[in-house]
Amino acid sequence: MGDADATAEYVGVIKDIFKLDYGPISTPIILMQCAWVRNKNDVWGNPTYKRDEVRFLVCNFWYMMTKDEEPFVFPTQVQQMFFMDEEQNPSWKVVVQKES
C-alpha cells in the first residue's frame, strides 16, 4: 500500500446491493457488491494508494481489482466516503470520510 494508512484496507465503489431472503424463519441478509481499487502497487511498482501533502488518502482508480477478488461486504463493514478528483491526475481521487 505504499505510505497509505494501514487501516484503509480497501477503497471502492458500490456496484449493487443484494437482499438475501431465506424465508420467514430467517432474517434477510444484505450484501453489497463493490469494485475495489487495487491496494497493492501497480504492475510497474508504483503505489495505487498514497498520502498527499496534507495527509489525505489518494487512490488511483485506474487500477481496480478483478471481480473475483472479494467483491462482497456486509453494510456493517463499510464507511461512507466521498471522492474528489485530483487536479493533476484524473485517474487519482482524494478520499474524504463523511463526518458522523
PDB file of N, CA and C in Angstrom:
ATOM      1  N   MET A   1       0.795  -1.182   0.000  1.00  0.00           N
ATOM      2  CA  MET A   1       0.000   0.000   0.000  1.00  0.00           C
ATOM      3  C   MET A   1       0.849   1.262   0.000  1.00  0.00           C
ATOM      4  N   GLY A   2       2.113   1.151  -0.099  1.00  0.00           N
ATOM      5  CA  GLY A   2       2.957   2.330  -0.080  1.00  0.00           C
ATOM      6  C   GLY A   2       2.922   2.989   1.282  1.00  0.00           C
ATOM      7  N   ASP A   3       2.810   4.338   1.295  1.00  0.00           N
ATOM      8  CA  ASP A   3       2.777   5.034   2.574  1.00  0.00           C
ATOM      9  C   ASP A   3       1.344   5.309   3.028  1.00  0.00           C
ATOM     10  N   ALA A   4       0.380   4.640   2.439  1.00  0.00           N
ATOM     11  CA  ALA A   4      -1.024   4.836   2.837  1.00  0.00           C
ATOM     12  C   ALA A   4      -1.266   4.253   4.216  1.00  0.00           C
ATOM     13  N   ASP A   5      -2.307   4.709   4.834  1.00  0.00           N
ATOM     14  CA  ASP A   5      -2.683   4.263   6.168  1.00  0.00           C
ATOM     15  C   ASP A   5      -3.057   2.785   6.149  1.00  0.00           C
ATOM     16  N   ALA A   6      -2.513   1.996   7.049  1.00  0.00           N
ATOM     17  CA  ALA A   6      -2.774   0.559   7.099  1.00  0.00           C
ATOM     18  C   ALA A   6      -4.220   0.242   7.438  1.00  0.00           C
ATOM     19  N   THR A   7      -4.948   1.188   8.028  1.00  0.00           N
ATOM     20  CA  THR A   7      -6.349   0.932   8.350  1.00  0.00           C
ATOM     21  C   THR A   7      -7.244   1.039   7.116  1.00  0.00           C
ATOM     22  N   ALA A   8      -6.769   1.653   6.063  1.00  0.00           N
ATOM     23  CA  ALA A   8      -7.546   1.780   4.827  1.00  0.00           C
ATOM     24  C   ALA A   8      -7.258   0.580   3.935  1.00  0.00           C
ATOM     25  N   GLU A   9      -7.829  -0.552   4.279  1.00  0.00           N
ATOM     26  CA  GLU A   9      -7.531  -1.779   3.567  1.00  0.00           C
ATOM     27  C   GLU A   9      -8.104  -1.792   2.164  1.00  0.00           C
ATOM     28  N   TYR A  10      -9.306  -1.281   1.999  1.00  0.00           N
ATOM     29  CA  TYR A  10      -9.959  -1.264   0.698  1.00  0.00           C
ATOM     30  C   TYR A  10     -10.650   0.069   0.474  1.00  0.00           C
ATOM     31  N   VAL A  11     -10.565   0.562  -0.746  1.00  0.00           N
ATOM     32  CA  VAL A  11     -11.319   1.738  -1.170  1.00  0.00           C
ATOM     33  C   VAL A  11     -12.013   1.335  -2.459  1.00  0.00           C
ATOM     34  N   GLY A  12     -13.296   1.646  -2.552  1.00  0.00           N
ATOM     35  CA  GLY A  12     -14.017   1.260  -3.752  1.00  0.00           C
ATOM     36  C   GLY A  12     -15.378   1.913  -3.826  1.00  0.00           C
ATOM     37  N   VAL A  13     -16.148   1.441  -4.804  1.00  0.00           N
ATOM     38  CA  VAL A  13     -17.494   1.963  -5.015  1.00  0.00           C
ATOM     39  C   VAL A  13     -18.487   0.808  -5.008  1.00  0.00           C
ATOM     40  N   ILE A  14     -19.685   1.062  -4.522  1.00  0.00           N
ATOM     41  CA  ILE A  14     -20.739   0.046  -4.500  1.00  0.00           C
ATOM     42  C   ILE A  14     -21.316  -0.078  -5.904  1.00  0.00           C
ATOM     43  N   LYS A  15     -21.383  -1.300  -6.392  1.00  0.00           N
ATOM     44  CA  LYS A  15     -21.941  -1.569  -7.714  1.00  0.00           C
ATOM     45  C   LYS A  15     -23.364  -2.098  -7.630  1.00  0.00           C
ATOM     46  N   ASP A  16     -23.679  -2.852  -6.574  1.00  0.00           N
ATOM     47  CA  ASP A  16     -25.006  -3.428  -6.436  1.00  0.00           C
ATOM     48  C   ASP A  16     -25.254  -3.786  -4.981  1.00  0.00           C
ATOM     49  N   ILE A  17     -26.526  -3.853  -4.597  1.00  0.00           N
ATOM     50  CA  ILE A  17     -26.914  -4.255  -3.251  1.00  0.00           C
ATOM     51  C   ILE A  17     -27.903  -5.406  -3.378  1.00  0.00           C
ATOM     52  N   PHE A  18     -27.642  -6.481  -2.625  1.00  0.00           N
ATOM     53  CA  PHE A  18     -28.486  -7.671  -2.671  1.00  0.00           C
ATOM     54  C   PHE A  18     -29.133  -7.908  -1.317  1.00  0.00           C
ATOM     55  N   LYS A  19     -30.396  -8.315  -1.336  1.00  0.00           N
ATOM     56  CA  LYS A  19     -31.096  -8.732  -0.127  1.00  0.00           C
ATOM     57  C   LYS A  19     -31.398 -10.216  -0.286  1.00  0.00           C
ATOM     58  N   LEU A  20     -30.760 -11.026   0.547  1.00  0.00           N
ATOM     59  CA  LEU A  20     -30.953 -12.473   0.510  1.00  0.00           C
ATOM     60  C   LEU A  20     -32.008 -12.839   1.538  1.00  0.00           C
ATOM     61  N   ASP A  21     -33.113 -13.374   1.074  1.00  0.00           N
ATOM     62  CA  ASP A  21     -34.234 -13.714   1.953  1.00  0.00           C
ATOM     63  C   ASP A  21     -34.420 -15.228   1.928  1.00  0.00           C
ATOM     64  N   TYR A  22     -34.184 -15.855   3.059  1.00  0.00           N
ATOM     65  CA  TYR A  22     -34.281 -17.311   3.163  1.00  0.00           C
ATOM     66  C   TYR A  22     -35.598 -17.770   3.773  1.00  0.00           C
ATOM     67  N   GLY A  23     -36.608 -16.911   3.759  1.00  0.00           N
ATOM     68  CA  GLY A  23     -37.914 -17.316   4.250  1.00  0.00           C
ATOM     69  C   GLY A  23     -38.271 -16.681   5.577  1.00  0.00           C
ATOM     70  N   PRO A  24     -39.464 -17.019   6.101  1.00  0.00           N
ATOM     71  CA  PRO A  24     -39.974 -16.357   7.305  1.00  0.00           C
ATOM     72  C   PRO A  24     -39.211 -16.687   8.583  1.00  0.00           C
ATOM     73  N   ILE A  25     -38.447 -17.759   8.592  1.00  0.00           N
ATOM     74  CA  ILE A  25     -37.720 -18.144   9.810  1.00  0.00           C
ATOM     75  C   ILE A  25     -36.429 -17.347   9.960  1.00  0.00           C
ATOM     76  N   SER A  26     -35.880 -16.875   8.873  1.00  0.00           N
ATOM     77  CA  SER A  26     -34.570 -16.238   8.875  1.00  0.00           C
ATOM     78  C   SER A  26     -34.675 -14.722   8.662  1.00  0.00           C
ATOM     79  N   THR A  27     -33.753 -13.986   9.241  1.00  0.00           N
ATOM     80  CA  THR A  27     -33.629 -12.553   8.991  1.00  0.00           C
ATOM     81  C   THR A  27     -32.937 -12.363   7.644  1.00  0.00           C
ATOM     82  N   PRO A  28     -33.448 -11.491   6.789  1.00  0.00           N
ATOM     83  CA  PRO A  28     -32.788 -11.264   5.492  1.00  0.00           C
ATOM     84  C   PRO A  28     -31.352 -10.775   5.678  1.00  0.00           C
ATOM     85  N   ILE A  29     -30.514 -11.113   4.737  1.00  0.00           N
ATOM     86  CA  ILE A  29     -29.107 -10.717   4.758  1.00  0.00           C
ATOM     87  C   ILE A  29     -28.877  -9.724   3.625  1.00  0.00           C
ATOM     88  N   ILE A  30     -28.218  -8.616   3.940  1.00  0.00           N
ATOM     89  CA  ILE A  30     -27.900  -7.598   2.946  1.00  0.00           C
ATOM     90  C   ILE A  30     -26.418  -7.724   2.597  1.00  0.00           C
ATOM     91  N   LEU A  31     -26.114  -7.783   1.297  1.00  0.00           N
ATOM     92  CA  LEU A  31     -24.742  -7.817   0.801  1.00  0.00           C
ATOM     93  C   LEU A  31     -24.546  -6.697  -0.207  1.00  0.00           C
ATOM     94  N   MET A  32     -23.374  -6.100  -0.188  1.00  0.00           N
ATOM     95  CA  MET A  32     -23.027  -5.081  -1.171  1.00  0.00           C
ATOM     96  C   MET A  32     -21.921  -5.623  -2.063  1.00  0.00           C
ATOM     97  N   GLN A  33     -22.113  -5.473  -3.364  1.00  0.00           N
ATOM     98  CA  GLN A  33     -21.072  -5.863  -4.315  1.00  0.00           C
ATOM     99  C   GLN A  33     -20.300  -4.599  -4.678  1.00  0.00           C
ATOM    100  N   CYS A  34     -18.991  -4.660  -4.534  1.00  0.00           N
ATOM    101  CA  CYS A  34     -18.163  -3.471  -4.714  1.00  0.00           C
ATOM    102  C   CYS A  34     -17.084  -3.691  -5.772  1.00  0.00           C
ATOM    103  N   ALA A  35     -16.635  -2.599  -6.344  1.00  0.00           N
ATOM    104  CA  ALA A  35     -15.455  -2.582  -7.208  1.00  0.00           C
ATOM    105  C   ALA A  35     -14.364  -1.882  -6.403  1.00  0.00           C
ATOM    106  N   TRP A  36     -13.269  -2.596  -6.143  1.00  0.00           N
ATOM    107  CA  TRP A  36     -12.211  -2.105  -5.259  1.00  0.00           C
ATOM    108  C   TRP A  36     -11.018  -1.589  -6.048  1.00  0.00           C
ATOM    109  N   VAL A  37     -10.428  -0.514  -5.543  1.00  0.00           N
ATOM    110  CA  VAL A  37      -9.140  -0.057  -6.070  1.00  0.00           C
ATOM    111  C   VAL A  37      -8.087  -1.052  -5.595  1.00  0.00           C
ATOM    112  N   ARG A  38      -7.205  -1.460  -6.490  1.00  0.00           N
ATOM    113  CA  ARG A  38      -6.144  -2.392  -6.113  1.00  0.00           C
ATOM    114  C   ARG A  38      -5.327  -1.776  -5.001  1.00  0.00           C
ATOM    115  N   ASN A  39      -5.181  -2.507  -3.886  1.00  0.00           N
ATOM    116  CA  ASN A  39      -4.472  -1.955  -2.729  1.00  0.00           C
ATOM    117  C   ASN A  39      -3.016  -2.400  -2.676  1.00  0.00           C
ATOM    118  N   LYS A  40      -2.491  -2.781  -3.816  1.00  0.00           N
ATOM    119  CA  LYS A  40      -1.070  -3.115  -3.950  1.00  0.00           C
ATOM    120  C   LYS A  40      -0.503  -2.246  -5.056  1.00  0.00           C
ATOM    121  N   ASN A  41       0.787  -2.269  -5.225  1.00  0.00           N
ATOM    122  CA  ASN A  41       1.410  -1.481  -6.276  1.00  0.00           C
ATOM    123  C   ASN A  41       0.944  -1.941  -7.645  1.00  0.00           C
ATOM    124  N   ASP A  42       0.989  -1.031  -8.621  1.00  0.00           N
ATOM    125  CA  ASP A  42       0.621  -1.396  -9.983  1.00  0.00           C
ATOM    126  C   ASP A  42       1.705  -2.283 -10.599  1.00  0.00           C
ATOM    127  N   VAL A  43       1.556  -2.649 -11.848  1.00  0.00           N
ATOM    128  CA  VAL A  43       2.486  -3.595 -12.490  1.00  0.00           C
ATOM    129  C   VAL A  43       3.896  -3.047 -12.609  1.00  0.00           C
ATOM    130  N   TRP A  44       4.095  -1.740 -12.498  1.00  0.00           N
ATOM    131  CA  TRP A  44       5.434  -1.143 -12.573  1.00  0.00           C
ATOM    132  C   TRP A  44       6.006  -0.836 -11.198  1.00  0.00           C
ATOM    133  N   GLY A  45       5.303  -1.229 -10.137  1.00  0.00           N
ATOM    134  CA  GLY A  45       5.788  -0.999  -8.783  1.00  0.00           C
ATOM    135  C   GLY A  45       5.390   0.340  -8.192  1.00  0.00           C
ATOM    136  N   ASN A  46       4.555   1.101  -8.895  1.00  0.00           N
ATOM    137  CA  ASN A  46       4.089   2.389  -8.374  1.00  0.00           C
ATOM    138  C   ASN A  46       2.928   2.172  -7.412  1.00  0.00           C
ATOM    139  N   PRO A  47       2.845   2.942  -6.339  1.00  0.00           N
ATOM    140  CA  PRO A  47       1.739   2.760  -5.395  1.00  0.00           C
ATOM    141  C   PRO A  47       0.403   3.163  -6.012  1.00  0.00           C
ATOM    142  N   THR A  48      -0.656   2.478  -5.618  1.00  0.00           N
ATOM    143  CA  THR A  48      -2.008   2.842  -6.046  1.00  0.00           C
ATOM    144  C   THR A  48      -2.742   3.602  -4.945  1.00  0.00           C
ATOM    145  N   TYR A  49      -2.205   3.585  -3.722  1.00  0.00           N
ATOM    146  CA  TYR A  49      -2.684   4.402  -2.602  1.00  0.00           C
ATOM    147  C   TYR A  49      -1.505   5.262  -2.164  1.00  0.00           C
ATOM    148  N   LYS A  50      -1.758   6.524  -1.846  1.00  0.00           N
ATOM    149  CA  LYS A  50      -0.697   7.379  -1.313  1.00  0.00           C
ATOM    150  C   LYS A  50      -1.325   8.474  -0.474  1.00  0.00           C
ATOM    151  N   ARG A  51      -0.509   9.199   0.244  1.00  0.00           N
ATOM    152  CA  ARG A  51      -0.948  10.349   1.022  1.00  0.00           C
ATOM    153  C   ARG A  51      -0.452  11.610   0.319  1.00  0.00           C
ATOM    154  N   ASP A  52      -1.322  12.624   0.211  1.00  0.00           N
ATOM    155  CA  ASP A  52      -0.887  13.878  -0.388  1.00  0.00           C
ATOM    156  C   ASP A  52      -0.179  14.734   0.660  1.00  0.00           C
ATOM    157  N   GLU A  53       0.154  15.962   0.294  1.00  0.00           N
ATOM    158  CA  GLU A  53       0.946  16.815   1.185  1.00  0.00           C
ATOM    159  C   GLU A  53       0.214  17.203   2.471  1.00  0.00           C
ATOM    160  N   VAL A  54      -1.110  17.127   2.500  1.00  0.00           N
ATOM    161  CA  VAL A  54      -1.858  17.408   3.730  1.00  0.00           C
ATOM    162  C   VAL A  54      -2.408  16.126   4.357  1.00  0.00           C
ATOM    163  N   ARG A  55      -1.877  14.978   3.936  1.00  0.00           N
ATOM    164  CA  ARG A  55      -2.146  13.650   4.510  1.00  0.00           C
ATOM    165  C   ARG A  55      -3.509  13.059   4.159  1.00  0.00           C
ATOM    166  N   PHE A  56      -4.173  13.569   3.109  1.00  0.00           N
ATOM    167  CA  PHE A  56      -5.384  12.917   2.623  1.00  0.00           C
ATOM    168  C   PHE A  56      -4.984  11.664   1.854  1.00  0.00           C
ATOM    169  N   LEU A  57      -5.804  10.631   1.980  1.00  0.00           N
ATOM    170  CA  LEU A  57      -5.587   9.416   1.210  1.00  0.00           C
ATOM    171  C   LEU A  57      -6.012   9.679  -0.226  1.00  0.00           C
ATOM    172  N   VAL A  58      -5.160   9.294  -1.185  1.00  0.00           N
ATOM    173  CA  VAL A  58      -5.434   9.470  -2.603  1.00  0.00           C
ATOM    174  C   VAL A  58      -5.257   8.110  -3.265  1.00  0.00           C
ATOM    175  N   CYS A  59      -6.240   7.687  -4.079  1.00  0.00           N
ATOM    176  CA  CYS A  59      -6.227   6.361  -4.696  1.00  0.00           C
ATOM    177  C   CYS A  59      -6.303   6.476  -6.207  1.00  0.00           C
ATOM    178  N   ASN A  60      -5.606   5.579  -6.884  1.00  0.00           N
ATOM    179  CA  ASN A  60      -5.604   5.550  -8.342  1.00  0.00           C
ATOM    180  C   ASN A  60      -6.698   4.601  -8.827  1.00  0.00           C
ATOM    181  N   PHE A  61      -7.815   5.150  -9.300  1.00  0.00           N
ATOM    182  CA  PHE A  61      -8.954   4.357  -9.738  1.00  0.00           C
ATOM    183  C   PHE A  61      -8.735   3.720 -11.112  1.00  0.00           C
ATOM    184  N   TRP A  62      -7.581   3.911 -11.695  1.00  0.00           N
ATOM    185  CA  TRP A  62      -7.238   3.240 -12.952  1.00  0.00           C
ATOM    186  C   TRP A  62      -6.953   1.755 -12.706  1.00  0.00           C
ATOM    187  N   TYR A  63      -6.475   1.419 -11.509  1.00  0.00           N
ATOM    188  CA  TYR A  63      -6.085   0.046 -11.178  1.00  0.00           C
ATOM    189  C   TYR A  63      -7.090  -0.571 -10.214  1.00  0.00           C
ATOM    190  N   MET A  64      -8.089  -1.247 -10.779  1.00  0.00           N
ATOM    191  CA  MET A  64      -9.131  -1.876  -9.979  1.00  0.00           C
ATOM    192  C   MET A  64      -8.841  -3.366  -9.828  1.00  0.00           C
ATOM    193  N   MET A  65      -9.318  -3.952  -8.728  1.00  0.00           N
ATOM    194  CA  MET A  65      -9.199  -5.390  -8.520  1.00  0.00           C
ATOM    195  C   MET A  65     -10.118  -6.110  -9.506  1.00  0.00           C
ATOM    196  N   THR A  66      -9.806  -7.359  -9.779  1.00  0.00           N
ATOM    197  CA  THR A  66     -10.683  -8.146 -10.637  1.00  0.00           C
ATOM    198  C   THR A  66     -11.962  -8.482  -9.872  1.00  0.00           C
ATOM    199  N   LYS A  67     -13.004  -8.835 -10.589  1.00  0.00           N
ATOM    200  CA  LYS A  67     -14.309  -9.096  -9.980  1.00  0.00           C
ATOM    201  C   LYS A  67     -14.310 -10.297  -9.042  1.00  0.00           C
ATOM    202  N   ASP A  68     -13.344 -11.185  -9.162  1.00  0.00           N
ATOM    203  CA  ASP A  68     -13.314 -12.374  -8.295  1.00  0.00           C
ATOM    204  C   ASP A  68     -12.504 -12.159  -7.017  1.00  0.00           C
ATOM    205  N   GLU A  69     -12.017 -10.962  -6.774  1.00  0.00           N
ATOM    206  CA  GLU A  69     -11.231 -10.673  -5.573  1.00  0.00           C
ATOM    207  C   GLU A  69     -12.104 -10.048  -4.488  1.00  0.00           C
ATOM    208  N   GLU A  70     -12.869 -10.886  -3.791  1.00  0.00           N
ATOM    209  CA  GLU A  70     -13.705 -10.490  -2.652  1.00  0.00           C
ATOM    210  C   GLU A  70     -14.567  -9.258  -2.931  1.00  0.00           C
ATOM    211  N   PRO A  71     -15.526  -9.364  -3.854  1.00  0.00           N
ATOM    212  CA  PRO A  71     -16.333  -8.187  -4.181  1.00  0.00           C
ATOM    213  C   PRO A  71     -17.460  -7.896  -3.194  1.00  0.00           C
ATOM    214  N   PHE A  72     -17.764  -8.822  -2.258  1.00  0.00           N
ATOM    215  CA  PHE A  72     -18.935  -8.662  -1.397  1.00  0.00           C
ATOM    216  C   PHE A  72     -18.557  -8.278   0.029  1.00  0.00           C
ATOM    217  N   VAL A  73     -19.357  -7.363   0.605  1.00  0.00           N
ATOM    218  CA  VAL A  73     -19.198  -6.962   2.000  1.00  0.00           C
ATOM    219  C   VAL A  73     -20.580  -6.784   2.626  1.00  0.00           C
ATOM    220  N   PHE A  74     -20.618  -6.838   3.945  1.00  0.00           N
ATOM    221  CA  PHE A  74     -21.831  -6.531   4.686  1.00  0.00           C
ATOM    222  C   PHE A  74     -21.869  -5.022   4.950  1.00  0.00           C
ATOM    223  N   PRO A  75     -23.050  -4.428   5.091  1.00  0.00           N
ATOM    224  CA  PRO A  75     -23.132  -2.989   5.365  1.00  0.00           C
ATOM    225  C   PRO A  75     -22.364  -2.560   6.613  1.00  0.00           C
ATOM    226  N   THR A  76     -22.240  -3.429   7.608  1.00  0.00           N
ATOM    227  CA  THR A  76     -21.513  -3.075   8.835  1.00  0.00           C
ATOM    228  C   THR A  76     -20.008  -3.002   8.621  1.00  0.00           C
ATOM    229  N   GLN A  77     -19.518  -3.456   7.472  1.00  0.00           N
ATOM    230  CA  GLN A  77     -18.082  -3.468   7.199  1.00  0.00           C
ATOM    231  C   GLN A  77     -17.612  -2.255   6.399  1.00  0.00           C
ATOM    232  N   VAL A  78     -18.499  -1.322   6.110  1.00  0.00           N
ATOM    233  CA  VAL A  78     -18.122  -0.204   5.247  1.00  0.00           C
ATOM    234  C   VAL A  78     -18.342   1.131   5.944  1.00  0.00           C
ATOM    235  N   GLN A  79     -17.666   2.143   5.432  1.00  0.00           N
ATOM    236  CA  GLN A  79     -17.851   3.524   5.864  1.00  0.00           C
ATOM    237  C   GLN A  79     -18.100   4.354   4.618  1.00  0.00           C
ATOM    238  N   GLN A  80     -18.983   5.325   4.728  1.00  0.00           N
ATOM    239  CA  GLN A  80     -19.261   6.174   3.581  1.00  0.00           C
ATOM    240  C   GLN A  80     -18.125   7.160   3.384  1.00  0.00           C
ATOM    241  N   MET A  81     -17.671   7.253   2.138  1.00  0.00           N
ATOM    242  CA  MET A  81     -16.606   8.181   1.765  1.00  0.00           C
ATOM    243  C   MET A  81     -17.050   8.970   0.541  1.00  0.00           C
ATOM    244  N   PHE A  82     -16.382  10.062   0.305  1.00  0.00           N
ATOM    245  CA  PHE A  82     -16.605  10.850  -0.897  1.00  0.00           C
ATOM    246  C   PHE A  82     -15.283  10.895  -1.650  1.00  0.00           C
ATOM    247  N   PHE A  83     -15.367  10.980  -2.967  1.00  0.00           N
ATOM    248  CA  PHE A  83     -14.177  11.037  -3.800  1.00  0.00           C
ATOM    249  C   PHE A  83     -14.158  12.353  -4.560  1.00  0.00           C
ATOM    250  N   MET A  84     -13.003  13.012  -4.530  1.00  0.00           N
ATOM    251  CA  MET A  84     -12.816  14.240  -5.291  1.00  0.00           C
ATOM    252  C   MET A  84     -11.682  14.014  -6.273  1.00  0.00           C
ATOM    253  N   ASP A  85     -11.844  14.514  -7.488  1.00  0.00           N
ATOM    254  CA  ASP A  85     -10.797  14.372  -8.495  1.00  0.00           C
ATOM    255  C   ASP A  85      -9.549  15.137  -8.082  1.00  0.00           C
ATOM    256  N   GLU A  86      -8.396  14.523  -8.346  1.00  0.00           N
ATOM    257  CA  GLU A  86      -7.138  15.223  -8.153  1.00  0.00           C
ATOM    258  C   GLU A  86      -6.874  16.032  -9.417  1.00  0.00           C
ATOM    259  N   GLU A  87      -6.542  17.291  -9.271  1.00  0.00           N
ATOM    260  CA  GLU A  87      -6.435  18.192 -10.416  1.00  0.00           C
ATOM    261  C   GLU A  87      -5.383  17.762 -11.436  1.00  0.00           C
ATOM    262  N   GLN A  88      -4.219  17.317 -10.991  1.00  0.00           N
ATOM    263  CA  GLN A  88      -3.138  16.986 -11.910  1.00  0.00           C
ATOM    264  C   GLN A  88      -3.276  15.602 -12.548  1.00  0.00           C
ATOM    265  N   ASN A  89      -3.953  14.676 -11.872  1.00  0.00           N
ATOM    266  CA  ASN A  89      -4.059  13.297 -12.350  1.00  0.00           C
ATOM    267  C   ASN A  89      -5.516  12.847 -12.304  1.00  0.00           C
ATOM    268  N   PRO A  90      -6.196  12.797 -13.452  1.00  0.00           N
ATOM    269  CA  PRO A  90      -7.637  12.498 -13.441  1.00  0.00           C
ATOM    270  C   PRO A  90      -8.008  11.105 -12.940  1.00  0.00           C
ATOM    271  N   SER A  91      -7.112  10.126 -13.007  1.00  0.00           N
ATOM    272  CA  SER A  91      -7.460   8.783 -12.517  1.00  0.00           C
ATOM    273  C   SER A  91      -7.306   8.670 -11.001  1.00  0.00           C
ATOM    274  N   TRP A  92      -6.649   9.624 -10.373  1.00  0.00           N
ATOM    275  CA  TRP A  92      -6.478   9.636  -8.925  1.00  0.00           C
ATOM    276  C   TRP A  92      -7.625  10.400  -8.276  1.00  0.00           C
ATOM    277  N   LYS A  93      -8.133   9.869  -7.155  1.00  0.00           N
ATOM    278  CA  LYS A  93      -9.224  10.506  -6.415  1.00  0.00           C
ATOM    279  C   LYS A  93      -8.797  10.686  -4.966  1.00  0.00           C
ATOM    280  N   VAL A  94      -9.123  11.841  -4.408  1.00  0.00           N
ATOM    281  CA  VAL A  94      -8.894  12.124  -2.994  1.00  0.00           C
ATOM    282  C   VAL A  94     -10.066  11.505  -2.224  1.00  0.00           C
ATOM    283  N   VAL A  95      -9.753  10.726  -1.183  1.00  0.00           N
ATOM    284  CA  VAL A  95     -10.771  10.053  -0.387  1.00  0.00           C
ATOM    285  C   VAL A  95     -11.065  10.907   0.836  1.00  0.00           C
ATOM    286  N   VAL A  96     -12.339  11.300   0.989  1.00  0.00           N
ATOM    287  CA  VAL A  96     -12.750  12.153   2.096  1.00  0.00           C
ATOM    288  C   VAL A  96     -13.824  11.408   2.875  1.00  0.00           C
ATOM    289  N   GLN A  97     -13.588  11.214   4.154  1.00  0.00           N
ATOM    290  CA  GLN A  97     -14.548  10.500   5.000  1.00  0.00           C
ATOM    291  C   GLN A  97     -15.698  11.396   5.388  1.00  0.00           C
ATOM    292  N   LYS A  98     -16.895  10.850   5.339  1.00  0.00           N
ATOM    293  CA  LYS A  98     -18.102  11.564   5.745  1.00  0.00           C
ATOM    294  C   LYS A  98     -18.060  11.804   7.249  1.00  0.00           C
ATOM    295  N   GLU A  99     -18.380  13.015   7.671  1.00  0.00           N
ATOM    296  CA  GLU A  99     -18.435  13.307   9.103  1.00  0.00           C
ATOM    297  C   GLU A  99     -19.642  12.641   9.724  1.00  0.00           C
ATOM    298  N   SER A 100     -19.473  12.162  10.956  1.00  0.00           N
ATOM    299  CA  SER A 100     -20.581  11.488  11.655  1.00  0.00           C
ATOM    300  C   SER A 100     -21.572  12.460  12.213  1.00  0.00           C
TER     301      SER A 100
END
